[in-house]
Amino acid sequence: MNINRTFSLPVGLAIKLKAERNQSRTVSRAVEKYLNDREEFSPADIPIRQLLAALHARLECPDHLKAAILHELTKK
């Protein structure tokens, strides 16, 4: 069973959605994925550089680890 709802979308997103054949299914799948992903958060989903930067910024991170992390983050 489905129910109709009205929501506001940014114009650019609405234009992209208009190209979809079944807009309701697309929106339903996107909302379902968003809600499931919110509940099933895992640090494994975060890019390694972002994790390293967050760890480097923590005050309790030991200096020797900060040095190694900074070295890794500044490598090209």
Protein backbone atom coordinates (compact mmCIF):
# COMPACT_ATOMS: atom_id res chain seq x y z
CA MET A 1 0.00 0.00 0.00
CA ASN A 2 1.28 3.46 -0.87
CA ILE A 3 0.36 6.89 0.45
CA ASN A 4 0.82 10.25 -1.26
CA ARG A 5 3.04 12.86 0.40
CA THR A 6 4.11 16.31 -0.72
CA PHE A 7 7.68 17.48 -0.17
CA SER A 8 9.78 20.37 -1.42
CA LEU A 9 12.88 19.61 -3.48
CA PRO A 10 15.59 21.89 -4.80
CA VAL A 11 14.90 22.81 -8.45
CA GLY A 12 18.03 21.07 -9.76
CA LEU A 13 17.11 17.84 -8.02
CA ALA A 14 13.53 18.03 -9.29
CA ILE A 15 14.82 18.46 -12.86
CA LYS A 16 17.02 15.37 -12.51
CA LEU A 17 14.15 13.41 -10.98
CA LYS A 18 11.84 14.39 -13.84
CA ALA A 19 14.00 12.33 -16.19
CA GLU A 20 13.24 9.16 -14.21
CA ARG A 21 10.61 6.84 -15.63
CA ASN A 22 9.11 5.92 -12.23
CA GLN A 23 9.72 8.90 -9.96
CA SER A 24 7.83 7.43 -6.99
CA ARG A 25 9.94 4.28 -7.02
CA THR A 26 13.13 6.31 -7.32
CA VAL A 27 12.21 8.53 -4.38
CA SER A 28 11.05 5.54 -2.30
CA ARG A 29 14.32 3.71 -2.91
CA ALA A 30 16.39 6.81 -2.11
CA VAL A 31 14.54 7.50 1.14
CA GLU A 32 14.73 3.84 2.16
CA LYS A 33 18.48 3.77 1.50
CA TYR A 34 18.98 7.03 3.41
CA LEU A 35 17.06 5.78 6.44
CA ASN A 36 18.81 2.39 6.42
CA ASP A 37 22.25 3.94 6.06
CA ARG A 38 21.54 6.26 8.98
CA GLU A 39 20.84 3.26 11.20
CA GLU A 40 23.76 1.16 9.98
CA PHE A 41 26.66 3.61 10.30
CA SER A 42 30.11 2.09 10.14
CA PRO A 43 33.50 3.79 10.34
CA ALA A 44 34.44 1.55 7.41
CA ASP A 45 32.23 3.78 5.23
CA ILE A 46 34.39 6.85 5.92
CA PRO A 47 37.34 7.52 3.57
CA ILE A 48 40.69 6.72 5.22
CA ARG A 49 42.05 10.26 4.81
CA GLN A 50 39.02 11.67 6.60
CA LEU A 51 39.48 9.17 9.45
CA LEU A 52 43.16 10.02 9.72
CA ALA A 53 42.43 13.75 9.80
CA ALA A 54 39.81 13.27 12.51
CA LEU A 55 42.19 11.15 14.60
CA HIS A 56 45.00 13.69 14.16
CA ALA A 57 42.69 16.45 15.45
CA ARG A 58 41.86 14.61 18.68
CA LEU A 59 43.65 15.89 21.76
CA GLU A 60 44.18 12.44 23.26
CA CYS A 61 45.96 11.12 20.17
CA PRO A 62 49.60 10.39 21.14
CA ASP A 63 52.25 12.60 19.56
CA HIS A 64 54.04 9.72 17.80
CA LEU A 65 50.78 8.72 16.09
CA LYS A 66 50.06 12.34 15.17
CA ALA A 67 53.47 12.55 13.52
CA ALA A 68 52.86 9.37 11.51
CA ILE A 69 49.37 10.52 10.52
CA LEU A 70 50.62 13.95 9.47
CA HIS A 71 53.33 12.30 7.39
CA GLU A 72 50.72 10.13 5.65
CA LEU A 73 48.35 13.06 5.07
CA THR A 74 51.03 15.27 3.54
CA LYS A 75 52.35 12.61 1.14
CA LYS A 76 51.49 13.19 -2.50
